[in-house]
């Protein structure tokens, strides 16, 4: 109940050291409060007489490990200062949202992407946010010749996607909240000039930005792929940070590289590294340097300015990758020494990422549970200063 679970480690010590011991029971798993709107319009969890009920059990119904809406308490993304006032300006070619000198976000109306994100006047994000479904192929991705994952990906044109903006709309704007909706169609490059977009698009992606006065941005992402596609390399978002934002701290698995099917030795914890030390490419470059089961991550410069990203609401932990070497560069180079360092940091936050396999290197051998089928996905990310 409340801030509880003291001495829980003793249970695990007993479970780990006693043969046949299976553990105990959770009482209770979920809180049983009810959502109630107060006189000021805010909504809170009510219990123990808040509805005029007498007698009652006070807070005895709030003894769960997760909130009444079944959100894990440990992961709950509370937006402080969400009612702080800010301004929104819709121009011919851009949408600018800012809170005086605290933060400023500028969208390109034609592309729907963020052109710049500044915190206290310091540039943080230089390009983004766009959907991403491609990764630099690994050797295992290439195993199997015509039956390889890479062959199927290229056959489906996943390696050559262009995202066109179907619409970029301000849904509503007040002095403390603005919502911006962007709809992308992902299609093979060049095909948009030959056939109607509805016939050539492989993905439809809806991005909804909710921007609060605190500088918090809640990004909801809804992905709808065509059903004919093979298992996908990844499902996530990509953006680029200024090169000075090279100090990374994350809560997830680490400190070394790990992936959904190769993570048992990487324990969950809080880790800190700089981008250069995180990225140690293999002799033959390809997808590398990912960190899995990431709950939150911060990217900062040496002065402490930067951006924070985390999963939001019911979204599971992310696969995170940050590097001075972008996906295209990792795919282009055939040796480490050929890699050309980029001018910014390419960041991937993946809702799903395909395993890397390893039973052999001459056949497509990623186990089924580590594949990413081409089905609809929805996830949310919280970004803040």
Protein backbone atom coordinates (compact mmCIF):
# COMPACT_ATOMS: atom_id res chain seq x y z
CA UNK A 1 0.00 0.00 0.00
CA UNK A 2 1.34 3.43 -0.88
CA UNK A 3 5.14 3.55 -0.98
CA UNK A 4 5.56 -0.12 -0.11
CA UNK A 5 7.32 -3.34 -1.18
CA UNK A 6 10.07 -3.02 1.44
CA UNK A 7 12.14 -6.21 1.92
CA UNK A 8 10.80 -7.66 -1.31
CA UNK A 9 14.39 -8.65 -2.12
CA UNK A 10 14.22 -11.20 0.70
CA UNK A 11 11.43 -13.00 -1.12
CA UNK A 12 13.57 -13.19 -4.24
CA UNK A 13 16.58 -14.38 -2.25
CA UNK A 14 14.43 -17.18 -0.87
CA UNK A 15 13.03 -18.04 -4.31
CA UNK A 16 16.50 -18.11 -5.87
CA UNK A 17 18.02 -20.25 -3.10
CA UNK A 18 15.22 -22.72 -2.28
CA UNK A 19 14.48 -25.62 -4.59
CA UNK A 20 10.83 -25.86 -5.56
CA UNK A 21 9.78 -22.53 -4.07
CA UNK A 22 7.48 -20.78 -6.53
CA UNK A 23 6.84 -17.52 -4.79
CA UNK A 24 3.70 -15.98 -3.33
CA UNK A 25 0.65 -13.98 -4.32
CA UNK A 26 0.19 -10.30 -5.10
CA UNK A 27 -2.51 -8.67 -2.97
CA UNK A 28 -3.62 -6.52 -4.70
CA UNK A 29 -2.40 -6.14 -8.25
CA UNK A 30 -4.47 -3.07 -9.14
CA UNK A 31 -5.71 -0.08 -7.13
CA UNK A 32 -9.48 0.27 -6.97
CA UNK A 33 -9.99 4.03 -6.95
CA UNK A 34 -12.54 5.74 -9.18
CA UNK A 35 -11.88 8.76 -11.39
CA UNK A 36 -13.67 11.86 -10.08
CA UNK A 37 -13.73 15.40 -11.43
CA UNK A 38 -13.15 18.13 -8.85
CA UNK A 39 -14.69 21.58 -8.66
CA UNK A 40 -11.72 23.05 -10.57
CA UNK A 41 -12.15 20.59 -13.43
CA UNK A 42 -9.15 18.40 -12.62
CA UNK A 43 -9.60 14.64 -12.39
CA UNK A 44 -8.18 12.56 -9.55
CA UNK A 45 -8.54 9.09 -8.10
CA UNK A 46 -11.27 9.09 -5.44
CA UNK A 47 -11.65 6.65 -2.53
CA UNK A 48 -12.69 6.27 1.10
CA UNK A 49 -15.63 8.67 1.43
CA UNK A 50 -14.87 10.94 -1.53
CA UNK A 51 -18.35 10.16 -2.85
CA UNK A 52 -20.04 10.74 0.50
CA UNK A 53 -20.07 7.01 1.18
CA UNK A 54 -20.24 6.00 4.85
CA UNK A 55 -18.96 3.69 6.18
CA UNK A 56 -15.89 3.12 3.99
CA UNK A 57 -12.47 1.46 4.08
CA UNK A 58 -10.42 4.66 3.76
CA UNK A 59 -7.40 3.87 1.55
CA UNK A 60 -7.58 0.11 1.95
CA UNK A 61 -8.82 -0.20 -1.64
CA UNK A 62 -5.61 1.48 -2.87
CA UNK A 63 -3.19 -1.35 -2.11
CA UNK A 64 -2.24 -2.35 -5.65
CA UNK A 65 1.02 -2.27 -7.53
CA UNK A 66 -0.48 -0.41 -10.48
CA UNK A 67 -2.86 2.53 -10.87
CA UNK A 68 -6.62 2.01 -11.25
CA UNK A 69 -6.23 2.57 -15.02
CA UNK A 70 -3.69 -0.29 -14.94
CA UNK A 71 -0.65 1.87 -15.66
CA UNK A 72 2.48 0.74 -13.84
CA UNK A 73 3.23 3.18 -11.03
CA UNK A 74 6.93 2.95 -11.77
CA UNK A 75 6.36 4.13 -15.34
CA UNK A 76 3.73 6.79 -14.73
CA UNK A 77 5.04 10.16 -17.64
CA UNK A 78 3.30 13.08 -14.63
CA UNK A 79 3.36 16.23 -16.67
CA UNK A 80 4.39 19.09 -14.41
CA UNK A 81 3.30 22.58 -15.31
CA UNK A 82 1.01 21.30 -18.05
CA UNK A 83 -1.23 24.34 -17.62
CA UNK A 84 1.59 26.86 -18.14
CA UNK A 85 0.70 29.33 -20.88
CA UNK A 86 2.49 29.44 -24.24
CA UNK A 87 1.89 30.78 -27.74
CA UNK A 88 1.09 29.05 -31.02
CA UNK A 89 1.65 30.77 -34.36
CA UNK A 90 0.46 29.18 -37.60
CA UNK A 91 2.28 30.65 -40.62
CA UNK A 92 2.16 29.81 -44.31
CA UNK A 93 4.96 27.27 -44.14
CA UNK A 94 5.44 26.56 -40.43
CA UNK A 95 3.83 26.08 -37.04
CA UNK A 96 5.73 27.63 -34.14
CA UNK A 97 4.98 26.77 -30.52
CA UNK A 98 6.98 28.37 -27.71
CA UNK A 99 7.00 29.34 -24.05
CA UNK A 100 8.99 32.56 -23.88
CA UNK A 101 12.68 31.68 -23.46
CA UNK A 102 12.10 28.23 -21.93
CA UNK A 103 11.50 26.21 -25.09
CA UNK A 104 10.54 26.54 -28.73
CA UNK A 105 9.38 23.94 -31.29
CA UNK A 106 9.03 24.71 -34.99
CA UNK A 107 7.18 22.38 -37.39
CA UNK A 108 7.46 22.44 -41.18
CA UNK A 109 3.87 22.40 -42.45
CA UNK A 110 4.86 20.85 -45.79
CA UNK A 111 6.70 17.87 -44.28
CA UNK A 112 4.98 17.70 -40.90
CA UNK A 113 8.41 17.25 -39.31
CA UNK A 114 10.10 19.26 -36.57
CA UNK A 115 12.55 21.72 -38.12
CA UNK A 116 14.01 22.79 -34.79
CA UNK A 117 13.58 22.28 -31.08
CA UNK A 118 15.31 24.68 -28.71
CA UNK A 119 15.62 24.51 -24.93
CA UNK A 120 16.58 27.75 -23.17
CA UNK A 121 17.72 29.03 -26.56
CA UNK A 122 20.00 26.02 -27.15
CA UNK A 123 19.30 23.97 -30.32
CA UNK A 124 18.50 20.38 -29.38
CA UNK A 125 16.73 18.62 -32.26
CA UNK A 126 17.77 19.43 -35.81
CA UNK A 127 15.54 17.10 -37.83
CA UNK A 128 12.59 14.81 -37.14
CA UNK A 129 10.34 13.18 -36.20
CA UNK A 130 9.73 10.59 -38.94
CA UNK A 131 8.51 6.99 -38.95
CA UNK A 132 11.18 4.37 -39.54
CA UNK A 133 10.90 0.70 -40.56
CA UNK A 134 14.39 0.01 -41.97
CA UNK A 135 17.67 -1.00 -40.37
CA UNK A 136 21.17 -1.42 -41.74
CA UNK A 137 21.22 -5.17 -42.56
CA UNK A 138 23.31 -7.52 -40.47
CA UNK A 139 25.14 -10.54 -41.86
CA UNK A 140 22.36 -12.75 -40.53
CA UNK A 141 19.80 -10.63 -42.39
CA UNK A 142 21.62 -11.55 -45.60
CA UNK A 143 21.75 -15.32 -44.97
CA UNK A 144 19.60 -17.46 -47.24
CA UNK A 145 20.15 -15.72 -50.59
CA UNK A 146 16.72 -15.30 -52.25
CA UNK A 147 14.98 -16.45 -49.06
CA UNK A 148 16.93 -14.08 -46.81
CA UNK A 149 15.24 -11.34 -44.83
CA UNK A 150 17.19 -8.78 -46.81
CA UNK A 151 16.00 -10.18 -50.14
CA UNK A 152 12.39 -10.10 -48.98
CA UNK A 153 12.81 -6.57 -47.56
CA UNK A 154 14.28 -5.32 -50.82
CA UNK A 155 11.62 -7.14 -52.82
CA UNK A 156 9.01 -5.23 -50.83
CA UNK A 157 10.98 -1.95 -51.33
CA UNK A 158 11.38 -1.45 -47.57
CA UNK A 159 14.95 -0.26 -48.17
CA UNK A 160 13.81 2.57 -50.41
CA UNK A 161 10.89 4.20 -48.61
CA UNK A 162 9.86 7.82 -49.00
CA UNK A 163 7.39 9.39 -46.59
CA UNK A 164 5.06 11.91 -48.16
CA UNK A 165 2.91 14.13 -45.99
CA UNK A 166 -0.77 13.63 -46.67
CA UNK A 167 -1.78 16.28 -44.13
CA UNK A 168 -0.45 18.43 -41.28
CA UNK A 169 -3.23 19.97 -39.20
CA UNK A 170 -3.60 21.90 -35.96
CA UNK A 171 -6.45 20.03 -34.31
CA UNK A 172 -6.96 22.47 -31.45
CA UNK A 173 -4.98 25.19 -29.77
CA UNK A 174 -5.38 26.98 -26.45
CA UNK A 175 -2.97 28.88 -24.26
CA UNK A 176 -1.83 25.69 -22.50
CA UNK A 177 -2.30 22.85 -25.04
CA UNK A 178 -1.97 22.40 -28.78
CA UNK A 179 -2.53 19.23 -30.79
CA UNK A 180 -0.95 18.74 -34.19
CA UNK A 181 -1.86 15.77 -36.40
CA UNK A 182 0.41 14.57 -39.21
CA UNK A 183 -0.47 11.79 -41.64
CA UNK A 184 2.36 10.11 -43.58
CA UNK A 185 2.21 7.69 -46.49
CA UNK A 186 5.26 5.49 -46.85
CA UNK A 187 5.91 4.40 -50.45
CA UNK A 188 8.83 3.26 -52.61
CA UNK A 189 10.84 6.21 -53.85
CA UNK A 190 9.74 7.35 -57.30
CA UNK A 191 6.46 5.45 -57.30
CA UNK A 192 4.51 8.50 -56.12
CA UNK A 193 5.08 10.05 -59.56
CA UNK A 194 3.72 7.08 -61.49
CA UNK A 195 0.62 5.86 -59.66
CA UNK A 196 -1.90 7.27 -57.19
CA UNK A 197 -0.54 7.30 -53.66
CA UNK A 198 -3.37 5.08 -52.44
CA UNK A 199 -2.13 2.32 -54.78
CA UNK A 200 1.58 2.56 -53.97
CA UNK A 201 1.74 3.27 -50.25
CA UNK A 202 3.09 0.48 -48.04
CA UNK A 203 2.40 2.28 -44.76
CA UNK A 204 -0.03 4.82 -43.42
CA UNK A 205 1.26 6.47 -40.25
CA UNK A 206 -0.71 8.86 -38.06
CA UNK A 207 1.34 11.00 -35.66
CA UNK A 208 -0.50 13.12 -33.09
CA UNK A 209 1.52 15.63 -31.07
CA UNK A 210 0.04 16.97 -27.81
CA UNK A 211 2.23 19.90 -26.69
CA UNK A 212 1.83 21.28 -23.16
CA UNK A 213 3.00 24.53 -21.61
CA UNK A 214 5.60 22.63 -19.61
CA UNK A 215 7.39 21.73 -22.84
CA UNK A 216 6.21 18.12 -22.64
CA UNK A 217 5.28 16.56 -25.97
CA UNK A 218 3.18 13.39 -26.02
CA UNK A 219 3.55 11.69 -29.39
CA UNK A 220 0.95 9.08 -30.34
CA UNK A 221 1.94 6.92 -33.30
CA UNK A 222 -0.45 4.65 -35.21
CA UNK A 223 1.05 2.46 -37.94
CA UNK A 224 -0.94 0.60 -40.59
CA UNK A 225 1.19 -1.47 -42.99
CA UNK A 226 -0.13 -3.35 -46.01
CA UNK A 227 -0.71 -7.00 -45.20
CA UNK A 228 1.50 -8.29 -48.05
CA UNK A 229 4.74 -7.10 -46.43
CA UNK A 230 7.27 -9.55 -44.93
CA UNK A 231 8.30 -9.32 -41.24
CA UNK A 232 9.58 -5.80 -40.62
CA UNK A 233 13.11 -4.82 -39.50
CA UNK A 234 11.74 -2.28 -37.00
CA UNK A 235 8.70 -0.16 -36.12
CA UNK A 236 9.59 3.16 -34.57
CA UNK A 237 10.55 6.78 -34.99
CA UNK A 238 13.75 8.50 -36.07
CA UNK A 239 15.05 11.99 -35.31
CA UNK A 240 18.35 13.83 -35.35
CA UNK A 241 19.91 15.70 -32.45
CA UNK A 242 22.57 18.40 -32.47
CA UNK A 243 26.00 16.82 -32.18
CA UNK A 244 26.61 18.46 -28.79
CA UNK A 245 23.80 16.31 -27.27
CA UNK A 246 26.19 13.40 -26.90
CA UNK A 247 25.79 12.61 -23.19
CA UNK A 248 23.29 9.76 -22.84
CA UNK A 249 21.67 8.38 -19.72
CA UNK A 250 19.06 5.65 -19.86
CA UNK A 251 17.03 3.30 -17.71
CA UNK A 252 16.94 -0.05 -19.44
CA UNK A 253 19.24 -2.90 -20.29
CA UNK A 254 22.95 -2.30 -20.58
CA UNK A 255 25.58 -1.12 -20.38
CA UNK A 256 26.57 -2.98 -23.54
CA UNK A 257 24.69 -3.59 -26.78
CA UNK A 258 21.61 -5.80 -26.58
CA UNK A 259 18.64 -6.81 -28.71
CA UNK A 260 15.30 -8.57 -28.08
CA UNK A 261 16.81 -12.01 -28.67
CA UNK A 262 20.18 -11.23 -27.08
CA UNK A 263 19.69 -9.48 -23.78
CA UNK A 264 19.94 -11.98 -20.92
CA UNK A 265 23.38 -10.78 -19.84
CA UNK A 266 22.40 -7.10 -20.02
CA UNK A 267 20.71 -6.21 -16.75
CA UNK A 268 18.14 -3.48 -16.27
CA UNK A 269 19.63 -0.43 -14.61
CA UNK A 270 20.54 3.25 -15.05
CA UNK A 271 23.56 3.74 -17.30
CA UNK A 272 25.50 6.72 -18.64
CA UNK A 273 27.73 6.92 -21.71
CA UNK A 274 28.64 9.31 -24.46
CA UNK A 275 27.46 8.57 -27.98
CA UNK A 276 30.91 7.70 -29.29
CA UNK A 277 31.50 5.03 -26.64
CA UNK A 278 28.01 3.56 -27.12
CA UNK A 279 28.59 2.89 -30.77
CA UNK A 280 31.18 0.20 -31.43
CA UNK A 281 30.43 -1.08 -34.97
CA UNK A 282 31.49 -4.51 -36.09
CA UNK A 283 34.21 -5.08 -38.66
CA UNK A 284 31.50 -5.24 -41.32
CA UNK A 285 29.14 -2.41 -40.35
CA UNK A 286 25.43 -3.01 -40.05
CA UNK A 287 22.72 -2.55 -37.43
CA UNK A 288 24.52 -2.30 -34.09
CA UNK A 289 24.75 -0.58 -30.71
CA UNK A 290 21.08 -0.93 -29.74
CA UNK A 291 19.87 -0.98 -26.15
CA UNK A 292 16.66 -2.84 -25.39
CA UNK A 293 13.93 -2.63 -22.73
CA UNK A 294 14.56 1.12 -22.35
CA UNK A 295 11.99 2.94 -20.19
CA UNK A 296 13.53 6.42 -20.46
CA UNK A 297 16.56 8.13 -21.93
CA UNK A 298 18.07 11.61 -21.78
CA UNK A 299 20.32 13.26 -24.36
CA UNK A 300 22.22 16.26 -23.03
CA UNK A 301 25.16 18.48 -23.77
CA UNK A 302 27.88 19.11 -21.21
CA UNK A 303 25.90 22.06 -19.80
CA UNK A 304 22.91 19.87 -19.00
CA UNK A 305 20.62 21.16 -21.78
CA UNK A 306 18.86 18.51 -23.79
CA UNK A 307 15.84 16.33 -24.28
CA UNK A 308 14.17 13.50 -22.35
CA UNK A 309 12.27 10.62 -23.95
CA UNK A 310 10.26 7.85 -22.34
CA UNK A 311 7.52 5.36 -23.04
CA UNK A 312 4.10 6.70 -22.17
CA UNK A 313 0.99 5.14 -20.71
CA UNK A 314 0.57 1.50 -21.74
CA UNK A 315 3.45 1.44 -24.25
CA UNK A 316 6.10 -1.20 -23.47
CA UNK A 317 9.82 -0.41 -23.14
CA UNK A 318 11.64 0.72 -26.28
CA UNK A 319 14.64 -0.35 -28.31
CA UNK A 320 16.97 2.67 -28.40
CA UNK A 321 19.83 3.46 -30.72
CA UNK A 322 21.91 6.64 -30.95
CA UNK A 323 24.94 7.11 -33.18
CA UNK A 324 26.99 9.59 -35.18
CA UNK A 325 26.79 6.99 -37.96
CA UNK A 326 23.34 6.95 -39.54
CA UNK A 327 21.55 3.91 -40.94
CA UNK A 328 22.46 4.82 -44.52
CA UNK A 329 26.14 5.13 -43.60
CA UNK A 330 26.18 1.80 -41.75
CA UNK A 331 24.64 0.19 -44.81
CA UNK A 332 27.03 1.86 -47.26
CA UNK A 333 30.35 1.05 -45.59
CA UNK A 334 31.90 -2.40 -45.86
CA UNK A 335 34.64 -1.80 -43.27
CA UNK A 336 34.79 0.14 -40.02
CA UNK A 337 37.47 2.43 -41.31
CA UNK A 338 35.24 3.49 -44.20
CA UNK A 339 32.58 4.94 -41.92
CA UNK A 340 32.16 8.71 -42.18
CA UNK A 341 30.99 10.41 -38.99
CA UNK A 342 27.84 12.44 -39.45
CA UNK A 343 27.24 16.05 -38.48
CA UNK A 344 24.50 15.14 -36.00
CA UNK A 345 23.27 12.22 -33.86
CA UNK A 346 20.75 9.86 -35.42
CA UNK A 347 18.36 8.50 -32.79
CA UNK A 348 15.94 5.59 -33.14
CA UNK A 349 13.23 4.82 -30.60
CA UNK A 350 11.61 1.56 -31.66
CA UNK A 351 8.33 0.15 -30.46
CA UNK A 352 9.34 -3.15 -32.07
CA UNK A 353 12.72 -4.33 -33.36
CA UNK A 354 13.36 -7.64 -35.06
CA UNK A 355 15.82 -10.03 -33.43
CA UNK A 356 19.26 -10.49 -34.91
CA UNK A 357 19.27 -14.30 -35.00
CA UNK A 358 22.23 -16.59 -34.59
CA UNK A 359 21.37 -20.30 -35.04
CA UNK A 360 23.38 -20.06 -38.23
CA UNK A 361 24.34 -17.36 -40.71
CA UNK A 362 23.23 -19.00 -43.95
CA UNK A 363 19.47 -19.15 -43.47
CA UNK A 364 16.75 -16.85 -42.12
CA UNK A 365 16.74 -18.13 -38.54
CA UNK A 366 15.31 -15.44 -36.27
CA UNK A 367 12.83 -17.27 -34.04
CA UNK A 368 9.17 -16.50 -34.65
CA UNK A 369 8.66 -14.72 -31.33
CA UNK A 370 11.40 -12.23 -32.24
CA UNK A 371 9.96 -11.36 -35.65
CA UNK A 372 7.91 -8.19 -36.24
CA UNK A 373 4.88 -9.09 -38.37
CA UNK A 374 3.40 -6.49 -40.69
CA UNK A 375 0.30 -5.72 -38.61
CA UNK A 376 -1.06 -2.45 -37.16
CA UNK A 377 0.86 -1.01 -34.19
CA UNK A 378 0.14 1.84 -31.80
CA UNK A 379 2.51 3.33 -29.24
CA UNK A 380 3.17 6.57 -27.39
CA UNK A 381 6.36 8.42 -26.50
CA UNK A 382 6.82 11.33 -24.13
CA UNK A 383 9.43 13.94 -25.06
CA UNK A 384 10.35 16.84 -22.82
CA UNK A 385 13.09 19.32 -22.10
